[in-house]
Amino acid sequence: MAFIKLDNIIVNTNFVAAVRLEGRNQAGEESVSLLIAIPAVTFSPLETTPNSSYQYEWLEFTGASARALKDYFSSFNNVLDLLPPRHHCNHLCGE
């Protein structure tokens, strides 16, 4: 489990469901978005164990926060890149 701090928001990376590295908000600024899984635990009077499900919410970051997130999620230390960028695939894919 890791935590990342962006301005006044701290995110537990265990709950990051997806990251959109390339994007633009309505003002045209470059942005990075995180899809956060929010646990919604419900208890039924007949159940002895809680039933966990998730709600999802996109958080959008711009400016320095977006650049920091892009660097973090582009780092080979933090994310395993299964498909190399297209320009690196040319010699690997025989194209």
PDB file of N, CA and C in Angstrom:
ATOM      1  N   MET A   1       0.844  -1.164   0.000  1.00  0.00           N
ATOM      2  CA  MET A   1       0.000   0.000   0.000  1.00  0.00           C
ATOM      3  C   MET A   1       0.893   1.232   0.000  1.00  0.00           C
ATOM      4  N   ALA A   2       0.541   2.190  -0.834  1.00  0.00           N
ATOM      5  CA  ALA A   2       1.272   3.449  -0.896  1.00  0.00           C
ATOM      6  C   ALA A   2       0.274   4.600  -0.866  1.00  0.00           C
ATOM      7  N   PHE A   3       0.733   5.715  -0.364  1.00  0.00           N
ATOM      8  CA  PHE A   3      -0.082   6.929  -0.354  1.00  0.00           C
ATOM      9  C   PHE A   3       0.626   7.973  -1.193  1.00  0.00           C
ATOM     10  N   ILE A   4      -0.146   8.739  -1.957  1.00  0.00           N
ATOM     11  CA  ILE A   4       0.421   9.866  -2.697  1.00  0.00           C
ATOM     12  C   ILE A   4      -0.331  11.121  -2.278  1.00  0.00           C
ATOM     13  N   LYS A   5       0.417  12.223  -2.113  1.00  0.00           N
ATOM     14  CA  LYS A   5      -0.164  13.492  -1.680  1.00  0.00           C
ATOM     15  C   LYS A   5      -0.103  14.479  -2.827  1.00  0.00           C
ATOM     16  N   LEU A   6      -1.240  15.064  -3.130  1.00  0.00           N
ATOM     17  CA  LEU A   6      -1.361  16.082  -4.170  1.00  0.00           C
ATOM     18  C   LEU A   6      -2.095  17.274  -3.583  1.00  0.00           C
ATOM     19  N   ASP A   7      -1.394  18.356  -3.401  1.00  0.00           N
ATOM     20  CA  ASP A   7      -1.967  19.529  -2.736  1.00  0.00           C
ATOM     21  C   ASP A   7      -2.513  19.092  -1.382  1.00  0.00           C
ATOM     22  N   ASN A   8      -3.825  19.210  -1.173  1.00  0.00           N
ATOM     23  CA  ASN A   8      -4.396  18.835   0.120  1.00  0.00           C
ATOM     24  C   ASN A   8      -5.165  17.511   0.053  1.00  0.00           C
ATOM     25  N   ILE A   9      -4.871  16.686  -0.951  1.00  0.00           N
ATOM     26  CA  ILE A   9      -5.522  15.387  -1.117  1.00  0.00           C
ATOM     27  C   ILE A   9      -4.483  14.283  -0.982  1.00  0.00           C
ATOM     28  N   ILE A  10      -4.799  13.285  -0.166  1.00  0.00           N
ATOM     29  CA  ILE A  10      -3.943  12.111  -0.027  1.00  0.00           C
ATOM     30  C   ILE A  10      -4.737  10.922  -0.549  1.00  0.00           C
ATOM     31  N   VAL A  11      -4.129  10.175  -1.482  1.00  0.00           N
ATOM     32  CA  VAL A  11      -4.803   9.056  -2.131  1.00  0.00           C
ATOM     33  C   VAL A  11      -4.087   7.760  -1.770  1.00  0.00           C
ATOM     34  N   ASN A  12      -4.872   6.777  -1.328  1.00  0.00           N
ATOM     35  CA  ASN A  12      -4.353   5.434  -1.102  1.00  0.00           C
ATOM     36  C   ASN A  12      -4.332   4.756  -2.468  1.00  0.00           C
ATOM     37  N   THR A  13      -3.163   4.392  -2.955  1.00  0.00           N
ATOM     38  CA  THR A  13      -3.053   3.832  -4.298  1.00  0.00           C
ATOM     39  C   THR A  13      -3.744   2.485  -4.444  1.00  0.00           C
ATOM     40  N   ASN A  14      -4.094   1.821  -3.339  1.00  0.00           N
ATOM     41  CA  ASN A  14      -4.858   0.578  -3.433  1.00  0.00           C
ATOM     42  C   ASN A  14      -6.241   0.809  -4.040  1.00  0.00           C
ATOM     43  N   PHE A  15      -6.740   2.036  -3.970  1.00  0.00           N
ATOM     44  CA  PHE A  15      -8.076   2.336  -4.456  1.00  0.00           C
ATOM     45  C   PHE A  15      -8.084   3.047  -5.800  1.00  0.00           C
ATOM     46  N   VAL A  16      -6.919   3.171  -6.441  1.00  0.00           N
ATOM     47  CA  VAL A  16      -6.860   3.751  -7.786  1.00  0.00           C
ATOM     48  C   VAL A  16      -7.208   2.632  -8.765  1.00  0.00           C
ATOM     49  N   ALA A  17      -8.348   2.785  -9.431  1.00  0.00           N
ATOM     50  CA  ALA A  17      -8.826   1.757 -10.356  1.00  0.00           C
ATOM     51  C   ALA A  17      -8.287   1.983 -11.765  1.00  0.00           C
ATOM     52  N   ALA A  18      -8.072   3.244 -12.143  1.00  0.00           N
ATOM     53  CA  ALA A  18      -7.567   3.564 -13.477  1.00  0.00           C
ATOM     54  C   ALA A  18      -6.962   4.961 -13.454  1.00  0.00           C
ATOM     55  N   VAL A  19      -6.049   5.199 -14.395  1.00  0.00           N
ATOM     56  CA  VAL A  19      -5.407   6.504 -14.534  1.00  0.00           C
ATOM     57  C   VAL A  19      -5.494   6.911 -15.994  1.00  0.00           C
ATOM     58  N   ARG A  20      -5.974   8.109 -16.247  1.00  0.00           N
ATOM     59  CA  ARG A  20      -5.993   8.668 -17.598  1.00  0.00           C
ATOM     60  C   ARG A  20      -4.888   9.717 -17.647  1.00  0.00           C
ATOM     61  N   LEU A  21      -3.743   9.346 -18.277  1.00  0.00           N
ATOM     62  CA  LEU A  21      -2.572  10.219 -18.278  1.00  0.00           C
ATOM     63  C   LEU A  21      -2.702  11.396 -19.228  1.00  0.00           C
ATOM     64  N   GLU A  22      -3.377  11.220 -20.326  1.00  0.00           N
ATOM     65  CA  GLU A  22      -3.503  12.277 -21.328  1.00  0.00           C
ATOM     66  C   GLU A  22      -4.943  12.760 -21.363  1.00  0.00           C
ATOM     67  N   GLY A  23      -5.142  14.016 -21.112  1.00  0.00           N
ATOM     68  CA  GLY A  23      -6.483  14.564 -21.185  1.00  0.00           C
ATOM     69  C   GLY A  23      -6.451  16.075 -21.142  1.00  0.00           C
ATOM     70  N   ARG A  24      -7.598  16.661 -21.406  1.00  0.00           N
ATOM     71  CA  ARG A  24      -7.768  18.114 -21.322  1.00  0.00           C
ATOM     72  C   ARG A  24      -9.103  18.378 -20.654  1.00  0.00           C
ATOM     73  N   ASN A  25      -9.108  19.365 -19.764  1.00  0.00           N
ATOM     74  CA  ASN A  25     -10.368  19.734 -19.134  1.00  0.00           C
ATOM     75  C   ASN A  25     -11.124  20.715 -20.026  1.00  0.00           C
ATOM     76  N   GLN A  26     -12.257  21.217 -19.561  1.00  0.00           N
ATOM     77  CA  GLN A  26     -13.082  22.110 -20.376  1.00  0.00           C
ATOM     78  C   GLN A  26     -12.397  23.426 -20.695  1.00  0.00           C
ATOM     79  N   ALA A  27     -11.448  23.839 -19.860  1.00  0.00           N
ATOM     80  CA  ALA A  27     -10.699  25.075 -20.104  1.00  0.00           C
ATOM     81  C   ALA A  27      -9.531  24.853 -21.063  1.00  0.00           C
ATOM     82  N   GLY A  28      -9.319  23.600 -21.504  1.00  0.00           N
ATOM     83  CA  GLY A  28      -8.246  23.297 -22.428  1.00  0.00           C
ATOM     84  C   GLY A  28      -6.912  23.007 -21.766  1.00  0.00           C
ATOM     85  N   GLU A  29      -6.873  22.959 -20.434  1.00  0.00           N
ATOM     86  CA  GLU A  29      -5.642  22.674 -19.721  1.00  0.00           C
ATOM     87  C   GLU A  29      -5.360  21.163 -19.756  1.00  0.00           C
ATOM     88  N   GLU A  30      -4.074  20.814 -19.838  1.00  0.00           N
ATOM     89  CA  GLU A  30      -3.714  19.404 -19.756  1.00  0.00           C
ATOM     90  C   GLU A  30      -4.090  18.884 -18.378  1.00  0.00           C
ATOM     91  N   SER A  31      -4.615  17.658 -18.350  1.00  0.00           N
ATOM     92  CA  SER A  31      -5.046  17.095 -17.075  1.00  0.00           C
ATOM     93  C   SER A  31      -4.710  15.612 -16.989  1.00  0.00           C
ATOM     94  N   VAL A  32      -4.655  15.124 -15.764  1.00  0.00           N
ATOM     95  CA  VAL A  32      -4.513  13.707 -15.467  1.00  0.00           C
ATOM     96  C   VAL A  32      -5.674  13.364 -14.552  1.00  0.00           C
ATOM     97  N   SER A  33      -6.343  12.252 -14.829  1.00  0.00           N
ATOM     98  CA  SER A  33      -7.501  11.860 -14.030  1.00  0.00           C
ATOM     99  C   SER A  33      -7.280  10.498 -13.389  1.00  0.00           C
ATOM    100  N   LEU A  34      -7.739  10.375 -12.151  1.00  0.00           N
ATOM    101  CA  LEU A  34      -7.688   9.110 -11.423  1.00  0.00           C
ATOM    102  C   LEU A  34      -9.110   8.622 -11.201  1.00  0.00           C
ATOM    103  N   LEU A  35      -9.355   7.360 -11.487  1.00  0.00           N
ATOM    104  CA  LEU A  35     -10.631   6.742 -11.151  1.00  0.00           C
ATOM    105  C   LEU A  35     -10.438   6.067  -9.801  1.00  0.00           C
ATOM    106  N   ILE A  36     -11.146   6.572  -8.804  1.00  0.00           N
ATOM    107  CA  ILE A  36     -10.991   6.082  -7.442  1.00  0.00           C
ATOM    108  C   ILE A  36     -12.146   5.153  -7.097  1.00  0.00           C
ATOM    109  N   ALA A  37     -11.825   3.978  -6.546  1.00  0.00           N
ATOM    110  CA  ALA A  37     -12.830   3.026  -6.075  1.00  0.00           C
ATOM    111  C   ALA A  37     -13.109   3.344  -4.612  1.00  0.00           C
ATOM    112  N   ILE A  38     -14.347   3.702  -4.316  1.00  0.00           N
ATOM    113  CA  ILE A  38     -14.737   4.057  -2.960  1.00  0.00           C
ATOM    114  C   ILE A  38     -15.527   2.895  -2.374  1.00  0.00           C
ATOM    115  N   PRO A  39     -14.991   2.246  -1.328  1.00  0.00           N
ATOM    116  CA  PRO A  39     -15.704   1.107  -0.753  1.00  0.00           C
ATOM    117  C   PRO A  39     -17.044   1.544  -0.168  1.00  0.00           C
ATOM    118  N   ALA A  40     -18.077   0.795  -0.480  1.00  0.00           N
ATOM    119  CA  ALA A  40     -19.408   1.029   0.070  1.00  0.00           C
ATOM    120  C   ALA A  40     -19.811  -0.252   0.785  1.00  0.00           C
ATOM    121  N   VAL A  41     -19.618  -0.292   2.081  1.00  0.00           N
ATOM    122  CA  VAL A  41     -19.888  -1.488   2.857  1.00  0.00           C
ATOM    123  C   VAL A  41     -21.339  -1.444   3.331  1.00  0.00           C
ATOM    124  N   THR A  42     -22.065  -2.508   3.063  1.00  0.00           N
ATOM    125  CA  THR A  42     -23.453  -2.593   3.509  1.00  0.00           C
ATOM    126  C   THR A  42     -23.626  -3.789   4.432  1.00  0.00           C
ATOM    127  N   PHE A  43     -24.467  -3.638   5.410  1.00  0.00           N
ATOM    128  CA  PHE A  43     -24.759  -4.714   6.342  1.00  0.00           C
ATOM    129  C   PHE A  43     -26.229  -5.083   6.211  1.00  0.00           C
ATOM    130  N   SER A  44     -26.476  -6.354   6.100  1.00  0.00           N
ATOM    131  CA  SER A  44     -27.838  -6.878   6.103  1.00  0.00           C
ATOM    132  C   SER A  44     -28.073  -7.506   7.469  1.00  0.00           C
ATOM    133  N   PRO A  45     -29.243  -7.315   8.053  1.00  0.00           N
ATOM    134  CA  PRO A  45     -29.486  -7.905   9.375  1.00  0.00           C
ATOM    135  C   PRO A  45     -29.337  -9.429   9.382  1.00  0.00           C
ATOM    136  N   LEU A  46     -29.490 -10.080   8.230  1.00  0.00           N
ATOM    137  CA  LEU A  46     -29.397 -11.533   8.170  1.00  0.00           C
ATOM    138  C   LEU A  46     -27.981 -12.027   7.906  1.00  0.00           C
ATOM    139  N   GLU A  47     -27.078 -11.117   7.515  1.00  0.00           N
ATOM    140  CA  GLU A  47     -25.703 -11.503   7.197  1.00  0.00           C
ATOM    141  C   GLU A  47     -24.789 -11.264   8.392  1.00  0.00           C
ATOM    142  N   THR A  48     -23.825 -12.159   8.562  1.00  0.00           N
ATOM    143  CA  THR A  48     -22.850 -11.978   9.643  1.00  0.00           C
ATOM    144  C   THR A  48     -21.593 -11.269   9.160  1.00  0.00           C
ATOM    145  N   THR A  49     -21.389 -11.219   7.835  1.00  0.00           N
ATOM    146  CA  THR A  49     -20.226 -10.523   7.278  1.00  0.00           C
ATOM    147  C   THR A  49     -20.716  -9.402   6.373  1.00  0.00           C
ATOM    148  N   PRO A  50     -19.999  -8.291   6.353  1.00  0.00           N
ATOM    149  CA  PRO A  50     -20.413  -7.174   5.498  1.00  0.00           C
ATOM    150  C   PRO A  50     -20.258  -7.514   4.013  1.00  0.00           C
ATOM    151  N   ASN A  51     -21.112  -6.932   3.203  1.00  0.00           N
ATOM    152  CA  ASN A  51     -21.059  -7.109   1.754  1.00  0.00           C
ATOM    153  C   ASN A  51     -20.393  -5.872   1.164  1.00  0.00           C
ATOM    154  N   SER A  52     -19.212  -6.028   0.570  1.00  0.00           N
ATOM    155  CA  SER A  52     -18.472  -4.890   0.034  1.00  0.00           C
ATOM    156  C   SER A  52     -18.730  -4.718  -1.460  1.00  0.00           C
ATOM    157  N   SER A  53     -18.989  -3.506  -1.831  1.00  0.00           N
ATOM    158  CA  SER A  53     -19.067  -3.144  -3.237  1.00  0.00           C
ATOM    159  C   SER A  53     -18.372  -1.791  -3.363  1.00  0.00           C
ATOM    160  N   TYR A  54     -18.195  -1.335  -4.572  1.00  0.00           N
ATOM    161  CA  TYR A  54     -17.471  -0.086  -4.777  1.00  0.00           C
ATOM    162  C   TYR A  54     -18.290   0.890  -5.602  1.00  0.00           C
ATOM    163  N   GLN A  55     -18.109   2.163  -5.296  1.00  0.00           N
ATOM    164  CA  GLN A  55     -18.595   3.246  -6.130  1.00  0.00           C
ATOM    165  C   GLN A  55     -17.340   3.866  -6.725  1.00  0.00           C
ATOM    166  N   TYR A  56     -17.457   4.420  -7.923  1.00  0.00           N
ATOM    167  CA  TYR A  56     -16.281   4.963  -8.603  1.00  0.00           C
ATOM    168  C   TYR A  56     -16.474   6.447  -8.884  1.00  0.00           C
ATOM    169  N   GLU A  57     -15.387   7.194  -8.730  1.00  0.00           N
ATOM    170  CA  GLU A  57     -15.424   8.632  -8.971  1.00  0.00           C
ATOM    171  C   GLU A  57     -14.120   9.068  -9.631  1.00  0.00           C
ATOM    172  N   TRP A  58     -14.235   9.881 -10.692  1.00  0.00           N
ATOM    173  CA  TRP A  58     -13.054  10.431 -11.354  1.00  0.00           C
ATOM    174  C   TRP A  58     -12.616  11.690 -10.620  1.00  0.00           C
ATOM    175  N   LEU A  59     -11.320  11.792 -10.333  1.00  0.00           N
ATOM    176  CA  LEU A  59     -10.712  13.003  -9.799  1.00  0.00           C
ATOM    177  C   LEU A  59      -9.783  13.544 -10.872  1.00  0.00           C
ATOM    178  N   GLU A  60      -9.933  14.812 -11.212  1.00  0.00           N
ATOM    179  CA  GLU A  60      -9.124  15.417 -12.272  1.00  0.00           C
ATOM    180  C   GLU A  60      -8.135  16.403 -11.669  1.00  0.00           C
ATOM    181  N   PHE A  61      -6.885  16.343 -12.141  1.00  0.00           N
ATOM    182  CA  PHE A  61      -5.825  17.220 -11.658  1.00  0.00           C
ATOM    183  C   PHE A  61      -5.201  17.954 -12.831  1.00  0.00           C
ATOM    184  N   THR A  62      -4.828  19.213 -12.625  1.00  0.00           N
ATOM    185  CA  THR A  62      -4.174  20.018 -13.653  1.00  0.00           C
ATOM    186  C   THR A  62      -2.909  20.640 -13.052  1.00  0.00           C
ATOM    187  N   GLY A  63      -2.150  21.310 -13.896  1.00  0.00           N
ATOM    188  CA  GLY A  63      -0.966  22.033 -13.438  1.00  0.00           C
ATOM    189  C   GLY A  63       0.099  21.125 -12.870  1.00  0.00           C
ATOM    190  N   ALA A  64       0.723  21.577 -11.775  1.00  0.00           N
ATOM    191  CA  ALA A  64       1.822  20.835 -11.157  1.00  0.00           C
ATOM    192  C   ALA A  64       1.359  19.466 -10.656  1.00  0.00           C
ATOM    193  N   SER A  65       0.136  19.383 -10.164  1.00  0.00           N
ATOM    194  CA  SER A  65      -0.386  18.095  -9.683  1.00  0.00           C
ATOM    195  C   SER A  65      -0.490  17.094 -10.825  1.00  0.00           C
ATOM    196  N   ALA A  66      -0.956  17.552 -11.987  1.00  0.00           N
ATOM    197  CA  ALA A  66      -1.071  16.664 -13.151  1.00  0.00           C
ATOM    198  C   ALA A  66       0.311  16.189 -13.594  1.00  0.00           C
ATOM    199  N   ARG A  67       1.275  17.095 -13.612  1.00  0.00           N
ATOM    200  CA  ARG A  67       2.638  16.712 -14.010  1.00  0.00           C
ATOM    201  C   ARG A  67       3.226  15.699 -13.031  1.00  0.00           C
ATOM    202  N   ALA A  68       3.000  15.908 -11.728  1.00  0.00           N
ATOM    203  CA  ALA A  68       3.522  14.978 -10.723  1.00  0.00           C
ATOM    204  C   ALA A  68       2.877  13.599 -10.870  1.00  0.00           C
ATOM    205  N   LEU A  69       1.566  13.561 -11.114  1.00  0.00           N
ATOM    206  CA  LEU A  69       0.881  12.277 -11.309  1.00  0.00           C
ATOM    207  C   LEU A  69       1.373  11.571 -12.559  1.00  0.00           C
ATOM    208  N   LYS A  70       1.551  12.326 -13.627  1.00  0.00           N
ATOM    209  CA  LYS A  70       2.037  11.737 -14.878  1.00  0.00           C
ATOM    210  C   LYS A  70       3.419  11.137 -14.678  1.00  0.00           C
ATOM    211  N   ASP A  71       4.295  11.842 -13.973  1.00  0.00           N
ATOM    212  CA  ASP A  71       5.628  11.326 -13.673  1.00  0.00           C
ATOM    213  C   ASP A  71       5.539  10.063 -12.816  1.00  0.00           C
ATOM    214  N   TYR A  72       4.689  10.103 -11.790  1.00  0.00           N
ATOM    215  CA  TYR A  72       4.561   8.958 -10.874  1.00  0.00           C
ATOM    216  C   TYR A  72       4.064   7.726 -11.616  1.00  0.00           C
ATOM    217  N   PHE A  73       2.984   7.864 -12.387  1.00  0.00           N
ATOM    218  CA  PHE A  73       2.391   6.714 -13.052  1.00  0.00           C
ATOM    219  C   PHE A  73       3.090   6.343 -14.361  1.00  0.00           C
ATOM    220  N   SER A  74       4.087   7.124 -14.766  1.00  0.00           N
ATOM    221  CA  SER A  74       4.896   6.768 -15.931  1.00  0.00           C
ATOM    222  C   SER A  74       6.216   6.127 -15.524  1.00  0.00           C
ATOM    223  N   SER A  75       6.518   6.120 -14.241  1.00  0.00           N
ATOM    224  CA  SER A  75       7.777   5.594 -13.738  1.00  0.00           C
ATOM    225  C   SER A  75       7.774   4.069 -13.720  1.00  0.00           C
ATOM    226  N   PHE A  76       8.831   3.469 -14.231  1.00  0.00           N
ATOM    227  CA  PHE A  76       8.938   2.015 -14.204  1.00  0.00           C
ATOM    228  C   PHE A  76       9.040   1.498 -12.771  1.00  0.00           C
ATOM    229  N   ASN A  77       9.366   2.348 -11.809  1.00  0.00           N
ATOM    230  CA  ASN A  77       9.406   1.927 -10.408  1.00  0.00           C
ATOM    231  C   ASN A  77       8.008   1.753  -9.822  1.00  0.00           C
ATOM    232  N   ASN A  78       7.009   2.404 -10.419  1.00  0.00           N
ATOM    233  CA  ASN A  78       5.658   2.381  -9.872  1.00  0.00           C
ATOM    234  C   ASN A  78       4.673   1.594 -10.724  1.00  0.00           C
ATOM    235  N   VAL A  79       4.911   1.538 -12.029  1.00  0.00           N
ATOM    236  CA  VAL A  79       3.955   0.903 -12.946  1.00  0.00           C
ATOM    237  C   VAL A  79       4.711   0.048 -13.948  1.00  0.00           C
ATOM    238  N   LEU A  80       4.276  -1.172 -14.117  1.00  0.00           N
ATOM    239  CA  LEU A  80       4.857  -2.075 -15.099  1.00  0.00           C
ATOM    240  C   LEU A  80       4.211  -1.794 -16.451  1.00  0.00           C
ATOM    241  N   ASP A  81       4.980  -1.419 -17.441  1.00  0.00           N
ATOM    242  CA  ASP A  81       4.479  -1.103 -18.777  1.00  0.00           C
ATOM    243  C   ASP A  81       4.471  -2.378 -19.611  1.00  0.00           C
ATOM    244  N   LEU A  82       3.285  -2.922 -19.859  1.00  0.00           N
ATOM    245  CA  LEU A  82       3.182  -4.178 -20.599  1.00  0.00           C
ATOM    246  C   LEU A  82       3.310  -3.988 -22.101  1.00  0.00           C
ATOM    247  N   LEU A  83       2.879  -2.841 -22.594  1.00  0.00           N
ATOM    248  CA  LEU A  83       2.984  -2.557 -24.025  1.00  0.00           C
ATOM    249  C   LEU A  83       3.842  -1.319 -24.212  1.00  0.00           C
ATOM    250  N   PRO A  84       4.989  -1.468 -24.832  1.00  0.00           N
ATOM    251  CA  PRO A  84       5.852  -0.298 -25.024  1.00  0.00           C
ATOM    252  C   PRO A  84       5.176   0.708 -25.964  1.00  0.00           C
ATOM    253  N   PRO A  85       5.574   1.971 -25.887  1.00  0.00           N
ATOM    254  CA  PRO A  85       5.018   2.960 -26.814  1.00  0.00           C
ATOM    255  C   PRO A  85       5.202   2.512 -28.256  1.00  0.00           C
ATOM    256  N   ARG A  86       4.340   2.947 -29.120  1.00  0.00           N
ATOM    257  CA  ARG A  86       4.307   2.521 -30.527  1.00  0.00           C
ATOM    258  C   ARG A  86       5.658   2.707 -31.218  1.00  0.00           C
ATOM    259  N   HIS A  87       6.340   3.829 -30.966  1.00  0.00           N
ATOM    260  CA  HIS A  87       7.606   4.059 -31.655  1.00  0.00           C
ATOM    261  C   HIS A  87       8.695   3.074 -31.223  1.00  0.00           C
ATOM    262  N   HIS A  88       8.547   2.427 -30.063  1.00  0.00           N
ATOM    263  CA  HIS A  88       9.506   1.420 -29.639  1.00  0.00           C
ATOM    264  C   HIS A  88       9.149   0.046 -30.190  1.00  0.00           C
ATOM    265  N   CYS A  89       7.913  -0.124 -30.612  1.00  0.00           N
ATOM    266  CA  CYS A  89       7.442  -1.435 -31.054  1.00  0.00           C
ATOM    267  C   CYS A  89       7.873  -1.758 -32.480  1.00  0.00           C
ATOM    268  N   ASN A  90       8.253  -0.773 -33.250  1.00  0.00           N
ATOM    269  CA  ASN A  90       8.564  -1.001 -34.667  1.00  0.00           C
ATOM    270  C   ASN A  90       9.588  -2.110 -34.868  1.00  0.00           C
ATOM    271  N   HIS A  91      10.693  -2.042 -34.142  1.00  0.00           N
ATOM    272  CA  HIS A  91      11.723  -3.074 -34.333  1.00  0.00           C
ATOM    273  C   HIS A  91      11.345  -4.385 -33.632  1.00  0.00           C
ATOM    274  N   LEU A  92      10.527  -4.327 -32.585  1.00  0.00           N
ATOM    275  CA  LEU A  92      10.114  -5.528 -31.877  1.00  0.00           C
ATOM    276  C   LEU A  92       9.008  -6.277 -32.621  1.00  0.00           C
ATOM    277  N   CYS A  93       8.147  -5.512 -33.308  1.00  0.00           N
ATOM    278  CA  CYS A  93       6.983  -6.110 -33.947  1.00  0.00           C
ATOM    279  C   CYS A  93       7.249  -6.454 -35.410  1.00  0.00           C
ATOM    280  N   GLY A  94       8.449  -6.162 -35.886  1.00  0.00           N
ATOM    281  CA  GLY A  94       8.781  -6.480 -37.272  1.00  0.00           C
ATOM    282  C   GLY A  94       8.147  -5.548 -38.295  1.00  0.00           C
ATOM    283  N   GLU A  95       7.799  -4.351 -37.830  1.00  0.00           N
ATOM    284  CA  GLU A  95       7.178  -3.373 -38.763  1.00  0.00           C
ATOM    285  C   GLU A  95       8.190  -2.408 -39.277  1.00  0.00           C
TER     286      GLU A  95
END
